[in-house]
C-alpha atoms as a PDB file:
ATOM      1  CA  MET A   1       2.729 -23.506  -4.585  1.00  0.00           C
ATOM      2  CA  THR A   2       1.335 -27.001  -3.873  1.00  0.00           C
ATOM      3  CA  THR A   3       1.983 -29.627  -1.240  1.00  0.00           C
ATOM      4  CA  ASP A   4       0.985 -33.124  -0.382  1.00  0.00           C
ATOM      5  CA  ASP A   5      -1.364 -34.273   2.385  1.00  0.00           C
ATOM      6  CA  THR A   6       1.429 -34.681   4.980  1.00  0.00           C
ATOM      7  CA  ARG A   7       3.905 -31.871   4.541  1.00  0.00           C
ATOM      8  CA  ARG A   8       3.293 -28.773   6.388  1.00  0.00           C
ATOM      9  CA  ALA A   9       5.885 -25.898   6.324  1.00  0.00           C
ATOM     10  CA  GLY A  10       4.795 -23.843   9.204  1.00  0.00           C
ATOM     11  CA  TRP A  11       5.734 -20.604   7.404  1.00  0.00           C
ATOM     12  CA  ARG A  12       4.729 -17.183   8.926  1.00  0.00           C
ATOM     13  CA  GLY A  13       3.673 -14.187   6.947  1.00  0.00           C
ATOM     14  CA  PHE A  14       3.049 -10.448   7.778  1.00  0.00           C
ATOM     15  CA  GLY A  15       0.069  -8.625   6.522  1.00  0.00           C
ATOM     16  CA  VAL A  16      -1.217  -5.139   6.482  1.00  0.00           C
ATOM     17  CA  ALA A  17      -3.906  -2.982   4.822  1.00  0.00           C
ATOM     18  CA  GLY A  18      -3.252  -1.933   1.246  1.00  0.00           C
ATOM     19  CA  ALA A  19      -4.564   1.613   2.142  1.00  0.00           C
ATOM     20  CA  LEU A  20      -1.377   2.241   4.079  1.00  0.00           C
ATOM     21  CA  PRO A  21       0.904   4.849   2.608  1.00  0.00           C
ATOM     22  CA  HIS A  22       3.603   3.474   0.436  1.00  0.00           C
ATOM     23  CA  ASP A  23       6.328   4.715   2.511  1.00  0.00           C
ATOM     24  CA  ILE A  24       5.027   2.521   5.458  1.00  0.00           C
ATOM     25  CA  ILE A  25       4.490  -0.452   3.039  1.00  0.00           C
ATOM     26  CA  ARG A  26       8.075  -0.141   1.985  1.00  0.00           C
ATOM     27  CA  ALA A  27       9.517   0.107   5.408  1.00  0.00           C
ATOM     28  CA  LEU A  28       7.463  -2.889   6.674  1.00  0.00           C
ATOM     29  CA  ALA A  29       8.195  -5.134   3.650  1.00  0.00           C
ATOM     30  CA  ALA A  30      11.957  -4.648   3.950  1.00  0.00           C
ATOM     31  CA  ALA A  31      11.731  -5.219   7.645  1.00  0.00           C
ATOM     32  CA  ALA A  32       9.607  -8.372   7.269  1.00  0.00           C
ATOM     33  CA  GLU A  33      12.156  -9.805   4.788  1.00  0.00           C
ATOM     34  CA  GLY A  34      14.994  -9.099   7.177  1.00  0.00           C
ATOM     35  CA  ALA A  35      13.089 -10.800  10.129  1.00  0.00           C
ATOM     36  CA  GLY A  36      12.580 -13.991   8.271  1.00  0.00           C
ATOM     37  CA  TYR A  37       8.887 -13.865   7.345  1.00  0.00           C
ATOM     38  CA  HIS A  38       8.135 -16.147   4.378  1.00  0.00           C
ATOM     39  CA  THR A  39       5.621 -13.706   2.933  1.00  0.00           C
ATOM     40  CA  PHE A  40       4.412 -10.009   2.968  1.00  0.00           C
ATOM     41  CA  TRP A  41       0.804  -9.512   2.353  1.00  0.00           C
ATOM     42  CA  VAL A  42      -1.470  -6.438   1.653  1.00  0.00           C
ATOM     43  CA  ASN A  43      -5.307  -6.349   1.675  1.00  0.00           C
ATOM     44  CA  ASP A  44      -6.990  -4.982  -1.363  1.00  0.00           C
ATOM     45  CA  THR A  45      -9.847  -2.602  -0.441  1.00  0.00           C
ATOM     46  CA  PRO A  46     -11.881   0.213  -2.066  1.00  0.00           C
ATOM     47  CA  GLN A  47      -9.524   2.599  -0.336  1.00  0.00           C
ATOM     48  CA  GLY A  48      -6.346   0.635  -0.917  1.00  0.00           C
ATOM     49  CA  ASP A  49      -5.080  -0.747  -4.136  1.00  0.00           C
ATOM     50  CA  GLY A  50      -3.361  -4.091  -3.130  1.00  0.00           C
ATOM     51  CA  LEU A  51      -1.422  -4.606  -6.352  1.00  0.00           C
ATOM     52  CA  ALA A  52       0.042  -1.082  -6.446  1.00  0.00           C
ATOM     53  CA  SER A  53       0.979  -1.549  -2.724  1.00  0.00           C
ATOM     54  CA  LEU A  54       2.873  -4.835  -3.675  1.00  0.00           C
ATOM     55  CA  ARG A  55       4.707  -2.853  -6.342  1.00  0.00           C
ATOM     56  CA  ALA A  56       6.018  -0.683  -3.610  1.00  0.00           C
ATOM     57  CA  ALA A  57       6.972  -3.743  -1.497  1.00  0.00           C
ATOM     58  CA  ALA A  58       8.722  -5.342  -4.447  1.00  0.00           C
ATOM     59  CA  GLU A  59      10.878  -2.166  -4.950  1.00  0.00           C
ATOM     60  CA  VAL A  60      12.622  -2.778  -1.619  1.00  0.00           C
ATOM     61  CA  THR A  61      12.617  -6.638  -1.300  1.00  0.00           C
ATOM     62  CA  SER A  62      14.266  -9.398  -3.181  1.00  0.00           C
ATOM     63  CA  GLU A  63      13.350 -12.753  -1.661  1.00  0.00           C
ATOM     64  CA  ILE A  64      10.109 -12.475   0.417  1.00  0.00           C
ATOM     65  CA  LEU A  65       7.016 -13.669  -1.357  1.00  0.00           C
ATOM     66  CA  LEU A  66       4.316 -10.960  -1.998  1.00  0.00           C
ATOM     67  CA  GLY A  67       0.638 -11.711  -1.556  1.00  0.00           C
ATOM     68  CA  VAL A  68      -2.492  -9.738  -2.092  1.00  0.00           C
ATOM     69  CA  GLY A  69      -5.458 -10.819   0.000  1.00  0.00           C
ATOM     70  CA  VAL A  70      -7.905 -10.777  -1.507  1.00  0.00           C
ATOM     71  CA  ILE A  71      -9.104  -8.978  -4.560  1.00  0.00           C
ATOM     72  CA  PRO A  72     -13.050  -9.199  -4.883  1.00  0.00           C
ATOM     73  CA  LEU A  73     -13.583 -10.509  -8.375  1.00  0.00           C
ATOM     74  CA  ASP A  74     -16.932  -8.597  -8.540  1.00  0.00           C
ATOM     75  CA  ARG A  75     -14.934  -5.296  -8.362  1.00  0.00           C
ATOM     76  CA  GLN A  76     -11.947  -6.367 -10.348  1.00  0.00           C
ATOM     77  CA  PRO A  77     -12.452  -9.182 -12.863  1.00  0.00           C
ATOM     78  CA  ALA A  78      -9.685 -11.702 -13.405  1.00  0.00           C
ATOM     79  CA  ASP A  79      -8.717 -10.448 -16.836  1.00  0.00           C
ATOM     80  CA  GLU A  80      -8.251  -6.900 -15.295  1.00  0.00           C
ATOM     81  CA  ILE A  81      -6.174  -8.420 -12.490  1.00  0.00           C
ATOM     82  CA  ALA A  82      -3.854 -10.215 -14.819  1.00  0.00           C
ATOM     83  CA  ARG A  83      -3.477  -7.045 -17.083  1.00  0.00           C
ATOM     84  CA  ARG A  84      -2.459  -4.988 -13.975  1.00  0.00           C
ATOM     85  CA  VAL A  85       0.003  -7.639 -12.690  1.00  0.00           C
ATOM     86  CA  ASN A  86       1.788  -7.224 -16.070  1.00  0.00           C
ATOM     87  CA  GLU A  87       1.364  -3.546 -16.291  1.00  0.00           C
ATOM     88  CA  LEU A  88       2.801  -3.026 -12.958  1.00  0.00           C
ATOM     89  CA  GLY A  89       5.688  -5.387 -13.596  1.00  0.00           C
ATOM     90  CA  LEU A  90       5.181  -7.317 -10.474  1.00  0.00           C
ATOM     91  CA  PRO A  91       7.649 -10.228  -9.940  1.00  0.00           C
ATOM     92  CA  GLN A  92       5.484 -13.341 -10.794  1.00  0.00           C
ATOM     93  CA  GLN A  93       8.087 -15.653  -9.327  1.00  0.00           C
ATOM     94  CA  ARG A  94       7.451 -14.120  -5.967  1.00  0.00           C
ATOM     95  CA  LEU A  95       3.778 -13.103  -6.279  1.00  0.00           C
ATOM     96  CA  ILE A  96       0.691 -14.730  -4.728  1.00  0.00           C
ATOM     97  CA  VAL A  97      -2.656 -13.591  -6.162  1.00  0.00           C
ATOM     98  CA  GLY A  98      -5.425 -13.871  -3.667  1.00  0.00           C
ATOM     99  CA  VAL A  99      -9.090 -13.593  -5.073  1.00  0.00           C
ATOM    100  CA  GLY A 100     -12.436 -13.816  -3.455  1.00  0.00           C
ATOM    101  CA  SER A 101     -16.124 -13.717  -4.591  1.00  0.00           C
ATOM    102  CA  GLY A 102     -17.160 -10.208  -3.326  1.00  0.00           C
ATOM    103  CA  ASN A 103     -20.822 -10.232  -3.768  1.00  0.00           C
ATOM    104  CA  PRO A 104     -22.086 -13.753  -2.569  1.00  0.00           C
ATOM    105  CA  GLN A 105     -24.662 -13.833  -5.347  1.00  0.00           C
ATOM    106  CA  GLY A 106     -23.120 -16.025  -8.008  1.00  0.00           C
ATOM    107  CA  GLY A 107     -19.854 -16.090  -5.952  1.00  0.00           C
ATOM    108  CA  LEU A 108     -18.767 -19.698  -6.382  1.00  0.00           C
ATOM    109  CA  GLU A 109     -18.991 -19.672 -10.134  1.00  0.00           C
ATOM    110  CA  ARG A 110     -17.268 -16.142 -10.177  1.00  0.00           C
ATOM    111  CA  VAL A 111     -14.379 -17.545  -8.276  1.00  0.00           C
ATOM    112  CA  ARG A 112     -14.072 -20.810 -10.216  1.00  0.00           C
ATOM    113  CA  GLU A 113     -13.956 -18.972 -13.450  1.00  0.00           C
ATOM    114  CA  GLY A 114     -11.648 -16.244 -12.147  1.00  0.00           C
ATOM    115  CA  ALA A 115      -9.184 -18.826 -10.771  1.00  0.00           C
ATOM    116  CA  GLU A 116      -9.123 -20.668 -14.069  1.00  0.00           C
ATOM    117  CA  THR A 117      -8.478 -17.455 -16.002  1.00  0.00           C
ATOM    118  CA  LEU A 118      -5.669 -16.361 -13.663  1.00  0.00           C
ATOM    119  CA  GLU A 119      -4.073 -19.678 -13.872  1.00  0.00           C
ATOM    120  CA  GLU A 120      -4.060 -19.310 -17.678  1.00  0.00           C
ATOM    121  CA  ARG A 121      -2.824 -15.719 -17.734  1.00  0.00           C
ATOM    122  CA  LEU A 122      -0.249 -15.679 -14.959  1.00  0.00           C
ATOM    123  CA  GLU A 123       2.607 -17.674 -13.654  1.00  0.00           C
ATOM    124  CA  ALA A 124       1.920 -16.690 -10.097  1.00  0.00           C
ATOM    125  CA  PRO A 125      -0.158 -19.095  -7.895  1.00  0.00           C
ATOM    126  CA  VAL A 126      -3.728 -18.322  -7.202  1.00  0.00           C
ATOM    127  CA  VAL A 127      -5.252 -18.607  -3.679  1.00  0.00           C
ATOM    128  CA  VAL A 128      -8.960 -18.208  -2.945  1.00  0.00           C
ATOM    129  CA  GLY A 129     -10.235 -16.419   0.251  1.00  0.00           C
ATOM    130  CA  ALA A 130     -12.794 -18.782   1.851  1.00  0.00           C
ATOM    131  CA  LEU A 131     -15.030 -18.704   4.886  1.00  0.00           C
ATOM    132  CA  GLY A 132     -17.677 -21.362   4.442  1.00  0.00           C
ATOM    133  CA  PRO A 133     -17.562 -25.005   3.382  1.00  0.00           C
ATOM    134  CA  ASN A 134     -18.749 -24.432  -0.148  1.00  0.00           C
ATOM    135  CA  MET A 135     -16.034 -21.845  -0.992  1.00  0.00           C
ATOM    136  CA  CYS A 136     -13.433 -24.077   0.858  1.00  0.00           C
ATOM    137  CA  ALA A 137     -14.527 -26.839  -1.544  1.00  0.00           C
ATOM    138  CA  MET A 138     -14.157 -24.507  -4.542  1.00  0.00           C
ATOM    139  CA  ALA A 139     -10.664 -23.472  -3.489  1.00  0.00           C
ATOM    140  CA  GLY A 140      -9.654 -27.281  -3.245  1.00  0.00           C
ATOM    141  CA  LYS A 141     -11.036 -27.904  -6.836  1.00  0.00           C
ATOM    142  CA  SER A 142      -9.736 -24.780  -8.525  1.00  0.00           C
ATOM    143  CA  ALA A 143      -6.859 -23.039  -6.870  1.00  0.00           C
ATOM    144  CA  ASP A 144      -3.272 -23.455  -5.739  1.00  0.00           C
ATOM    145  CA  GLY A 145      -4.262 -22.518  -2.123  1.00  0.00           C
ATOM    146  CA  VAL A 146      -6.938 -21.312   0.172  1.00  0.00           C
ATOM    147  CA  LEU A 147      -6.726 -18.085   2.536  1.00  0.00           C
ATOM    148  CA  LEU A 148      -8.900 -18.771   5.456  1.00  0.00           C
ATOM    149  CA  ASN A 149      -9.946 -15.763   7.476  1.00  0.00           C
ATOM    150  CA  TRP A 150     -11.791 -15.009  10.716  1.00  0.00           C
ATOM    151  CA  LEU A 151     -11.417 -18.544  12.061  1.00  0.00           C
ATOM    152  CA  THR A 152     -10.536 -19.829  15.510  1.00  0.00           C
ATOM    153  CA  ALA A 153      -7.632 -22.135  15.679  1.00  0.00           C
ATOM    154  CA  GLU A 154      -9.901 -25.025  16.398  1.00  0.00           C
ATOM    155  CA  TYR A 155     -11.876 -24.429  13.251  1.00  0.00           C
ATOM    156  CA  VAL A 156      -9.049 -24.613  10.852  1.00  0.00           C
ATOM    157  CA  ALA A 157      -8.876 -28.294  10.778  1.00  0.00           C
ATOM    158  CA  PRO A 158     -12.402 -28.909   9.561  1.00  0.00           C
ATOM    159  CA  SER A 159     -11.999 -26.198   7.035  1.00  0.00           C
ATOM    160  CA  ALA A 160      -8.737 -27.599   5.796  1.00  0.00           C
ATOM    161  CA  ALA A 161     -10.285 -31.109   5.511  1.00  0.00           C
ATOM    162  CA  ILE A 162     -12.901 -29.728   3.181  1.00  0.00           C
ATOM    163  CA  VAL A 163     -10.219 -28.143   1.023  1.00  0.00           C
ATOM    164  CA  THR A 164      -8.096 -31.309   1.008  1.00  0.00           C
ATOM    165  CA  ALA A 165     -11.027 -33.727   0.205  1.00  0.00           C
ATOM    166  CA  ALA A 166     -12.179 -31.534  -2.779  1.00  0.00           C
ATOM    167  CA  ALA A 167      -8.771 -31.323  -4.221  1.00  0.00           C
ATOM    168  CA  ARG A 168      -8.338 -35.098  -3.929  1.00  0.00           C
ATOM    169  CA  GLN A 169     -11.739 -35.612  -5.711  1.00  0.00           C
ATOM    170  CA  ALA A 170     -10.677 -33.242  -8.458  1.00  0.00           C
ATOM    171  CA  GLY A 171      -7.391 -35.019  -8.920  1.00  0.00           C
ATOM    172  CA  ARG A 172      -5.398 -32.011  -7.946  1.00  0.00           C
ATOM    173  CA  PRO A 173      -2.530 -31.704  -5.466  1.00  0.00           C
ATOM    174  CA  ARG A 174      -3.604 -30.650  -1.994  1.00  0.00           C
ATOM    175  CA  PRO A 175      -3.496 -26.734  -2.024  1.00  0.00           C
ATOM    176  CA  LEU A 176      -1.636 -24.845   0.620  1.00  0.00           C
ATOM    177  CA  ILE A 177      -3.706 -24.045   3.597  1.00  0.00           C
ATOM    178  CA  LEU A 178      -3.027 -20.364   4.577  1.00  0.00           C
ATOM    179  CA  GLY A 179      -4.686 -18.326   7.226  1.00  0.00           C
ATOM    180  CA  TYR A 180      -5.105 -14.604   7.960  1.00  0.00           C
ATOM    181  CA  VAL A 181      -4.843 -14.340  11.782  1.00  0.00           C
ATOM    182  CA  ARG A 182      -5.701 -10.914  13.188  1.00  0.00           C
ATOM    183  CA  THR A 183      -2.917 -10.151  15.672  1.00  0.00           C
ATOM    184  CA  VAL A 184      -3.660  -7.328  18.019  1.00  0.00           C
ATOM    185  CA  TYR A 185      -0.673  -5.663  19.760  1.00  0.00           C
ATOM    186  CA  GLY A 186       0.277  -2.303  21.221  1.00  0.00           C
ATOM    187  CA  PRO A 187      -1.462   0.697  22.892  1.00  0.00           C
ATOM    188  CA  GLY A 188      -4.918   1.252  21.393  1.00  0.00           C
ATOM    189  CA  ALA A 189      -5.049  -1.878  19.280  1.00  0.00           C
ATOM    190  CA  ARG A 190      -7.843  -3.615  21.316  1.00  0.00           C
ATOM    191  CA  GLU A 191     -10.146  -0.712  20.548  1.00  0.00           C
ATOM    192  CA  VAL A 192      -9.327  -0.772  16.932  1.00  0.00           C
ATOM    193  CA  PHE A 193      -9.873  -4.419  16.713  1.00  0.00           C
ATOM    194  CA  ALA A 194     -13.253  -4.253  18.664  1.00  0.00           C
ATOM    195  CA  GLU A 195     -14.606  -1.828  15.995  1.00  0.00           C
ATOM    196  CA  GLU A 196     -13.489  -4.008  13.144  1.00  0.00           C
ATOM    197  CA  ALA A 197     -14.952  -7.185  14.749  1.00  0.00           C
ATOM    198  CA  SER A 198     -18.201  -5.338  15.440  1.00  0.00           C
ATOM    199  CA  ARG A 199     -18.349  -4.134  11.844  1.00  0.00           C
ATOM    200  CA  TYR A 200     -17.456  -7.671  10.386  1.00  0.00           C
ATOM    201  CA  GLY A 201     -20.021  -9.302  12.678  1.00  0.00           C
ATOM    202  CA  HIS A 202     -22.828  -7.416  10.955  1.00  0.00           C
ATOM    203  CA  TYR A 203     -21.976  -8.569   7.409  1.00  0.00           C
ATOM    204  CA  PRO A 204     -24.336 -11.481   6.589  1.00  0.00           C
ATOM    205  CA  ALA A 205     -21.692 -13.931   5.234  1.00  0.00           C
ATOM    206  CA  TYR A 206     -19.336 -13.259   8.160  1.00  0.00           C
ATOM    207  CA  ALA A 207     -22.192 -13.378  10.803  1.00  0.00           C
ATOM    208  CA  ALA A 208     -23.073 -16.856   9.424  1.00  0.00           C
ATOM    209  CA  ASN A 209     -19.393 -17.810   9.602  1.00  0.00           C
ATOM    210  CA  PHE A 210     -19.254 -16.883  13.322  1.00  0.00           C
ATOM    211  CA  THR A 211     -22.653 -18.685  13.988  1.00  0.00           C
ATOM    212  CA  ARG A 212     -21.216 -21.789  12.342  1.00  0.00           C
ATOM    213  CA  MET A 213     -18.255 -21.721  14.682  1.00  0.00           C
ATOM    214  CA  GLY A 214     -20.369 -20.893  17.586  1.00  0.00           C
ATOM    215  CA  THR A 215     -17.972 -18.008  18.575  1.00  0.00           C
ATOM    216  CA  PRO A 216     -17.920 -14.261  18.221  1.00  0.00           C
ATOM    217  CA  ALA A 217     -15.636 -12.386  15.920  1.00  0.00           C
ATOM    218  CA  GLU A 218     -13.435 -11.366  18.827  1.00  0.00           C
ATOM    219  CA  ALA A 219     -12.438 -14.978  19.517  1.00  0.00           C
ATOM    220  CA  THR A 220     -10.616 -15.399  16.282  1.00  0.00           C
ATOM    221  CA  ALA A 221      -7.824 -12.949  17.024  1.00  0.00           C
ATOM    222  CA  VAL A 222      -4.447 -13.375  18.808  1.00  0.00           C
ATOM    223  CA  THR A 223      -4.196 -10.625  21.392  1.00  0.00           C
ATOM    224  CA  GLY A 224      -1.316 -10.049  23.691  1.00  0.00           C
ATOM    225  CA  GLU A 225       0.514  -7.427  25.769  1.00  0.00           C
ATOM    226  CA  THR A 226       3.985  -9.169  25.412  1.00  0.00           C
ATOM    227  CA  ALA A 227       5.842 -10.845  22.508  1.00  0.00           C
ATOM    228  CA  ALA A 228       5.569 -14.010  24.464  1.00  0.00           C
ATOM    229  CA  GLU A 229       1.886 -13.890  24.507  1.00  0.00           C
ATOM    230  CA  ILE A 230       1.685 -13.282  20.780  1.00  0.00           C
ATOM    231  CA  GLN A 231       3.920 -16.016  19.930  1.00  0.00           C
ATOM    232  CA  THR A 232       1.879 -18.394  22.167  1.00  0.00           C
ATOM    233  CA  GLY A 233      -1.344 -17.345  20.506  1.00  0.00           C
ATOM    234  CA  LEU A 234       0.139 -17.694  16.918  1.00  0.00           C
ATOM    235  CA  ALA A 235       1.541 -21.126  17.725  1.00  0.00           C
ATOM    236  CA  ALA A 236      -2.062 -22.489  18.331  1.00  0.00           C
ATOM    237  CA  PHE A 237      -2.554 -21.963  14.545  1.00  0.00           C
ATOM    238  CA  ALA A 238       0.701 -23.276  13.268  1.00  0.00           C
ATOM    239  CA  GLY A 239      -0.246 -27.008  13.685  1.00  0.00           C
ATOM    240  CA  GLU A 240      -2.963 -26.831  11.082  1.00  0.00           C
ATOM    241  CA  LEU A 241      -1.920 -24.202   8.650  1.00  0.00           C
ATOM    242  CA  ASP A 242       0.837 -24.278   6.161  1.00  0.00           C
ATOM    243  CA  GLU A 243       1.343 -20.536   6.712  1.00  0.00           C
ATOM    244  CA  THR A 244       0.081 -18.305   9.397  1.00  0.00           C
ATOM    245  CA  VAL A 245      -0.163 -14.701   8.256  1.00  0.00           C
ATOM    246  CA  VAL A 246      -0.022 -12.177  11.049  1.00  0.00           C
ATOM    247  CA  ARG A 247      -2.623  -9.633   9.989  1.00  0.00           C
ATOM    248  CA  ALA A 248      -1.469  -6.660  11.921  1.00  0.00           C
ATOM    249  CA  ILE A 249      -3.794  -4.703  14.112  1.00  0.00           C
ATOM    250  CA  THR A 250      -2.106  -1.764  15.887  1.00  0.00           C
ATOM    251  CA  GLY A 251      -3.549   1.180  17.655  1.00  0.00           C
ATOM    252  CA  GLU A 252      -2.208   3.756  15.162  1.00  0.00           C
ATOM    253  CA  GLU A 253      -1.172   3.516  11.505  1.00  0.00           C
ATOM    254  CA  SER A 254       2.553   4.386  12.109  1.00  0.00           C
ATOM    255  CA  VAL A 255       5.836   2.624  11.162  1.00  0.00           C
ATOM    256  CA  ASP A 256       6.725   2.365  14.857  1.00  0.00           C
ATOM    257  CA  ALA A 257       3.466   0.614  15.873  1.00  0.00           C
ATOM    258  CA  TYR A 258       3.664  -1.737  13.070  1.00  0.00           C
ATOM    259  CA  MET A 259       7.295  -2.473  13.611  1.00  0.00           C
ATOM    260  CA  ALA A 260       6.586  -3.246  17.186  1.00  0.00           C
ATOM    261  CA  LEU A 261       4.129  -5.927  16.160  1.00  0.00           C
ATOM    262  CA  LEU A 262       6.298  -7.287  13.423  1.00  0.00           C
ATOM    263  CA  GLU A 263       9.189  -7.882  15.880  1.00  0.00           C
ATOM    264  CA  ALA A 264       6.896  -9.283  18.517  1.00  0.00           C
ATOM    265  CA  ALA A 265       5.449 -11.848  15.991  1.00  0.00           C
ATOM    266  CA  ALA A 266       8.502 -12.692  14.068  1.00  0.00           C
ATOM    267  CA  PRO A 267       9.382 -16.215  13.266  1.00  0.00           C
ATOM    268  CA  GLU A 268      11.407 -17.750  15.974  1.00  0.00           C
END
């Protein structure tokens, strides 16, 4: 899952919360594969087991790559992640394991050690969730890819440059540059996103990220009333990202609401 400094694939993924019921996960994973998405992602949260959700997605798909973004290593150590990947029988040839620091205290070292452990224990590529420059550099030195998050399209390039330079200094191939892009679509979706943006804006690490960019959390999302508006918004990210992951934000957690967004944002 590596690339050189010039090749950019322009793939598109689709992502949802791991806390969604597995029947919705299955429906969306199968639809994403059918619509031509390159990857299907789930978030890992205290309320939603990302790896278990990917097991549900794997049951109804055969080709689409399956990513978890990201498992905080302070909550689930790398050894435990590797054990559960094997225990669940996840298809490692299609799996992408995303990890993050969790608690910022000691986060860089935790991620470095975790990425090394997973690289040894699993065949699946490891990507690191990163906000700031230090974690971007760590991803470049230690991982197969970086999963950027809560960034404007304009801020992707400087973050990617840090990852690329760190990889070069470490003698590693340039990692893939992936981005979670919150995509807001459908009745009630703006209100749901406004609450999420406000919540993240009060977390110190994320607040520092928004200050660094000089923009509020709300400005990092693609919001539209039509499929054309969604496509235009996502295209702004595609020039710098190897893969743009549509992190779905809908007004309700129903198959119909997510399916409408999945279709509006589908690869063209």
